[in-house]
Amino acid sequence: MSALTRNLSGGHETLRTYGRRVEIPMLGEVAVPPPDKVAYYAGLGVLAALQVIEWPLALVITAGHVLADQRMSGLVKGVGEALESA
C-alpha cells in the first residue's frame, strides 16, 4: 500500500475506531474512545488524584489527546461553539 493510499484510508479507520457515540447535554453527540484510550485517561486521573502530577497538567494533557484523537468528530466543533456562546 502506498503512502498516499494509507493516508487516504486513515480517516475511515479513525471513524471505525470511534464508531460508538453518546449524547452529552450541551456538547451533542460525542464519540466514545476505545478501551485503551479510556484506560489512558483513567491513568492520568489516578496520577492527578495521587498528586503525582498537578490536576491542571492532567486536564491539559487529556484535552490535547481528546482533541487530537477526535478531530474527525463533532467534539471540537461543539466545544468551539460552546466557548463562543459563553
N, C-alpha and C. Protein backbone atom coordinates (compact mmCIF):
# COMPACT_ATOMS: atom_id res chain seq x y z
N MET A 1 0.85 -1.17 0.00
CA MET A 1 0.00 0.00 0.00
C MET A 1 0.89 1.23 0.00
N SER A 2 0.62 2.15 -0.90
CA SER A 2 1.43 3.36 -0.98
C SER A 2 1.11 4.31 0.17
N ALA A 3 1.99 5.27 0.39
CA ALA A 3 1.78 6.25 1.46
C ALA A 3 0.52 7.07 1.21
N LEU A 4 0.26 7.40 -0.05
CA LEU A 4 -0.93 8.18 -0.38
C LEU A 4 -2.19 7.40 -0.06
N THR A 5 -2.23 6.13 -0.44
CA THR A 5 -3.40 5.29 -0.15
C THR A 5 -3.57 5.12 1.34
N ARG A 6 -2.49 4.95 2.07
CA ARG A 6 -2.55 4.79 3.52
C ARG A 6 -3.12 6.06 4.16
N ASN A 7 -2.69 7.22 3.69
CA ASN A 7 -3.18 8.49 4.24
C ASN A 7 -4.65 8.71 3.91
N LEU A 8 -5.06 8.32 2.71
CA LEU A 8 -6.45 8.49 2.32
C LEU A 8 -7.38 7.56 3.08
N SER A 9 -6.91 6.37 3.43
CA SER A 9 -7.77 5.43 4.14
C SER A 9 -7.71 5.64 5.66
N GLY A 10 -6.84 6.50 6.14
CA GLY A 10 -6.72 6.72 7.58
C GLY A 10 -7.98 7.29 8.20
N GLY A 11 -8.67 8.16 7.49
CA GLY A 11 -9.91 8.75 8.01
C GLY A 11 -10.97 7.72 8.25
N HIS A 12 -11.09 6.74 7.34
CA HIS A 12 -12.08 5.69 7.51
C HIS A 12 -11.77 4.82 8.72
N GLU A 13 -10.50 4.55 8.94
CA GLU A 13 -10.10 3.75 10.10
C GLU A 13 -10.40 4.50 11.40
N THR A 14 -10.17 5.81 11.41
CA THR A 14 -10.48 6.62 12.60
C THR A 14 -11.97 6.59 12.87
N LEU A 15 -12.78 6.69 11.83
CA LEU A 15 -14.22 6.67 12.02
C LEU A 15 -14.68 5.32 12.55
N ARG A 16 -14.08 4.22 12.08
CA ARG A 16 -14.43 2.90 12.59
C ARG A 16 -14.03 2.75 14.05
N THR A 17 -12.88 3.30 14.43
CA THR A 17 -12.41 3.20 15.80
C THR A 17 -13.35 3.90 16.76
N TYR A 18 -13.84 5.07 16.35
CA TYR A 18 -14.74 5.86 17.19
C TYR A 18 -16.18 5.71 16.71
N GLY A 19 -16.59 4.49 16.41
CA GLY A 19 -17.92 4.24 15.89
C GLY A 19 -19.02 4.38 16.92
N ARG A 20 -18.71 4.14 18.19
CA ARG A 20 -19.74 4.27 19.23
C ARG A 20 -19.86 5.73 19.62
N ARG A 21 -21.09 6.18 19.77
CA ARG A 21 -21.33 7.59 20.12
C ARG A 21 -22.30 7.68 21.28
N VAL A 22 -22.17 8.79 22.03
CA VAL A 22 -23.01 9.04 23.19
C VAL A 22 -23.50 10.47 23.12
N GLU A 23 -24.73 10.71 23.54
CA GLU A 23 -25.30 12.06 23.55
C GLU A 23 -25.00 12.71 24.90
N ILE A 24 -24.29 13.85 24.87
CA ILE A 24 -23.94 14.59 26.09
C ILE A 24 -24.62 15.95 26.02
N PRO A 25 -25.36 16.32 27.08
CA PRO A 25 -26.03 17.63 27.07
C PRO A 25 -25.03 18.77 26.85
N MET A 26 -25.42 19.74 26.08
CA MET A 26 -24.65 20.95 25.75
C MET A 26 -23.48 20.68 24.80
N LEU A 27 -23.06 19.45 24.62
CA LEU A 27 -21.99 19.14 23.66
C LEU A 27 -22.53 18.43 22.44
N GLY A 28 -23.65 17.74 22.60
CA GLY A 28 -24.22 16.99 21.49
C GLY A 28 -23.69 15.56 21.46
N GLU A 29 -23.62 15.01 20.27
CA GLU A 29 -23.18 13.63 20.09
C GLU A 29 -21.65 13.57 20.10
N VAL A 30 -21.10 12.72 20.98
CA VAL A 30 -19.65 12.62 21.15
C VAL A 30 -19.24 11.17 20.94
N ALA A 31 -18.14 10.97 20.24
CA ALA A 31 -17.62 9.62 20.01
C ALA A 31 -16.98 9.09 21.28
N VAL A 32 -17.24 7.81 21.57
CA VAL A 32 -16.65 7.16 22.74
C VAL A 32 -15.31 6.57 22.33
N PRO A 33 -14.25 6.90 23.07
CA PRO A 33 -12.94 6.36 22.70
C PRO A 33 -12.84 4.86 22.97
N PRO A 34 -11.91 4.20 22.31
CA PRO A 34 -11.71 2.77 22.54
C PRO A 34 -11.20 2.53 23.97
N PRO A 35 -11.31 1.29 24.45
CA PRO A 35 -10.93 0.99 25.84
C PRO A 35 -9.50 1.37 26.21
N ASP A 36 -8.55 1.27 25.29
CA ASP A 36 -7.17 1.63 25.64
C ASP A 36 -7.04 3.13 25.91
N LYS A 37 -7.80 3.95 25.20
CA LYS A 37 -7.77 5.39 25.46
C LYS A 37 -8.45 5.71 26.80
N VAL A 38 -9.54 5.02 27.09
CA VAL A 38 -10.22 5.23 28.38
C VAL A 38 -9.28 4.87 29.52
N ALA A 39 -8.51 3.80 29.37
CA ALA A 39 -7.54 3.42 30.40
C ALA A 39 -6.46 4.49 30.55
N TYR A 40 -6.03 5.08 29.44
CA TYR A 40 -5.02 6.15 29.49
C TYR A 40 -5.55 7.35 30.27
N TYR A 41 -6.80 7.76 29.95
CA TYR A 41 -7.40 8.89 30.65
C TYR A 41 -7.60 8.58 32.12
N ALA A 42 -8.00 7.37 32.42
CA ALA A 42 -8.16 6.97 33.83
C ALA A 42 -6.82 7.00 34.56
N GLY A 43 -5.76 6.57 33.89
CA GLY A 43 -4.43 6.62 34.49
C GLY A 43 -4.00 8.04 34.80
N LEU A 44 -4.29 8.97 33.90
CA LEU A 44 -4.00 10.38 34.18
C LEU A 44 -4.79 10.87 35.38
N GLY A 45 -6.04 10.43 35.47
CA GLY A 45 -6.88 10.81 36.61
C GLY A 45 -6.33 10.28 37.92
N VAL A 46 -5.85 9.05 37.90
CA VAL A 46 -5.26 8.46 39.11
C VAL A 46 -3.99 9.20 39.50
N LEU A 47 -3.16 9.52 38.52
CA LEU A 47 -1.94 10.27 38.82
C LEU A 47 -2.26 11.64 39.42
N ALA A 48 -3.29 12.29 38.91
CA ALA A 48 -3.68 13.59 39.45
C ALA A 48 -4.28 13.43 40.85
N ALA A 49 -5.07 12.37 41.07
CA ALA A 49 -5.67 12.14 42.39
C ALA A 49 -4.60 11.83 43.44
N LEU A 50 -3.57 11.12 43.04
CA LEU A 50 -2.48 10.80 43.97
C LEU A 50 -1.45 11.93 44.06
N GLN A 51 -1.70 13.02 43.36
CA GLN A 51 -0.85 14.20 43.34
C GLN A 51 0.56 13.92 42.83
N VAL A 52 0.67 12.95 41.93
CA VAL A 52 1.94 12.70 41.26
C VAL A 52 2.17 13.81 40.23
N ILE A 53 1.08 14.19 39.55
CA ILE A 53 1.10 15.36 38.66
C ILE A 53 -0.01 16.29 39.12
N GLU A 54 0.12 17.56 38.81
CA GLU A 54 -0.91 18.53 39.18
C GLU A 54 -2.14 18.33 38.30
N TRP A 55 -3.34 18.59 38.85
CA TRP A 55 -4.55 18.36 38.09
C TRP A 55 -4.67 19.26 36.86
N PRO A 56 -4.18 20.52 36.87
CA PRO A 56 -4.27 21.29 35.62
C PRO A 56 -3.45 20.66 34.49
N LEU A 57 -2.31 20.09 34.83
CA LEU A 57 -1.49 19.41 33.83
C LEU A 57 -2.22 18.19 33.28
N ALA A 58 -2.87 17.44 34.14
CA ALA A 58 -3.64 16.27 33.69
C ALA A 58 -4.77 16.70 32.76
N LEU A 59 -5.43 17.82 33.07
CA LEU A 59 -6.50 18.32 32.21
C LEU A 59 -5.97 18.76 30.85
N VAL A 60 -4.84 19.43 30.84
CA VAL A 60 -4.27 19.89 29.57
C VAL A 60 -3.85 18.70 28.71
N ILE A 61 -3.21 17.72 29.32
CA ILE A 61 -2.79 16.53 28.57
C ILE A 61 -4.01 15.80 28.01
N THR A 62 -5.02 15.62 28.85
CA THR A 62 -6.24 14.94 28.41
C THR A 62 -6.93 15.70 27.30
N ALA A 63 -7.06 17.00 27.45
CA ALA A 63 -7.71 17.81 26.42
C ALA A 63 -6.95 17.74 25.10
N GLY A 64 -5.64 17.77 25.17
CA GLY A 64 -4.84 17.66 23.95
C GLY A 64 -5.04 16.34 23.24
N HIS A 65 -5.07 15.26 24.01
CA HIS A 65 -5.27 13.94 23.41
C HIS A 65 -6.68 13.80 22.84
N VAL A 66 -7.67 14.30 23.56
CA VAL A 66 -9.04 14.21 23.06
C VAL A 66 -9.18 14.98 21.76
N LEU A 67 -8.66 16.20 21.73
CA LEU A 67 -8.77 17.00 20.50
C LEU A 67 -8.01 16.39 19.35
N ALA A 68 -6.85 15.84 19.63
CA ALA A 68 -6.06 15.22 18.56
C ALA A 68 -6.70 13.92 18.07
N ASP A 69 -7.23 13.12 18.99
CA ASP A 69 -7.81 11.84 18.61
C ASP A 69 -9.17 11.97 17.94
N GLN A 70 -9.92 12.97 18.30
CA GLN A 70 -11.28 13.08 17.80
C GLN A 70 -11.46 14.23 16.83
N ARG A 71 -10.43 14.54 16.10
CA ARG A 71 -10.53 15.67 15.17
C ARG A 71 -11.58 15.41 14.10
N MET A 72 -11.91 14.14 13.86
CA MET A 72 -12.91 13.81 12.86
C MET A 72 -14.33 13.91 13.41
N SER A 73 -14.49 14.00 14.73
CA SER A 73 -15.83 14.04 15.30
C SER A 73 -16.29 15.47 15.50
N GLY A 74 -17.49 15.63 15.97
CA GLY A 74 -18.03 16.96 16.20
C GLY A 74 -17.65 17.54 17.54
N LEU A 75 -16.82 16.85 18.32
CA LEU A 75 -16.46 17.35 19.64
C LEU A 75 -15.76 18.70 19.57
N VAL A 76 -14.80 18.83 18.71
CA VAL A 76 -14.05 20.08 18.60
C VAL A 76 -14.99 21.21 18.20
N LYS A 77 -15.85 20.93 17.24
CA LYS A 77 -16.80 21.94 16.80
C LYS A 77 -17.75 22.30 17.94
N GLY A 78 -18.23 21.30 18.68
CA GLY A 78 -19.14 21.56 19.79
C GLY A 78 -18.50 22.38 20.89
N VAL A 79 -17.26 22.07 21.23
CA VAL A 79 -16.55 22.84 22.26
C VAL A 79 -16.34 24.28 21.79
N GLY A 80 -15.96 24.45 20.54
CA GLY A 80 -15.77 25.80 20.00
C GLY A 80 -17.05 26.61 20.02
N GLU A 81 -18.17 25.98 19.65
CA GLU A 81 -19.45 26.68 19.68
C GLU A 81 -19.87 27.00 21.10
N ALA A 82 -19.61 26.08 22.04
CA ALA A 82 -19.94 26.33 23.44
C ALA A 82 -19.13 27.49 24.00
N LEU A 83 -17.84 27.55 23.63
CA LEU A 83 -17.00 28.66 24.10
C LEU A 83 -17.43 29.98 23.49
N GLU A 84 -17.88 29.96 22.23
CA GLU A 84 -18.33 31.18 21.59
C GLU A 84 -19.60 31.71 22.25
N SER A 85 -20.50 30.81 22.64
CA SER A 85 -21.76 31.24 23.22
C SER A 85 -21.64 31.61 24.70
N ALA A 86 -20.53 31.25 25.35
CA ALA A 86 -20.36 31.55 26.77
C ALA A 86 -19.97 32.98 27.02
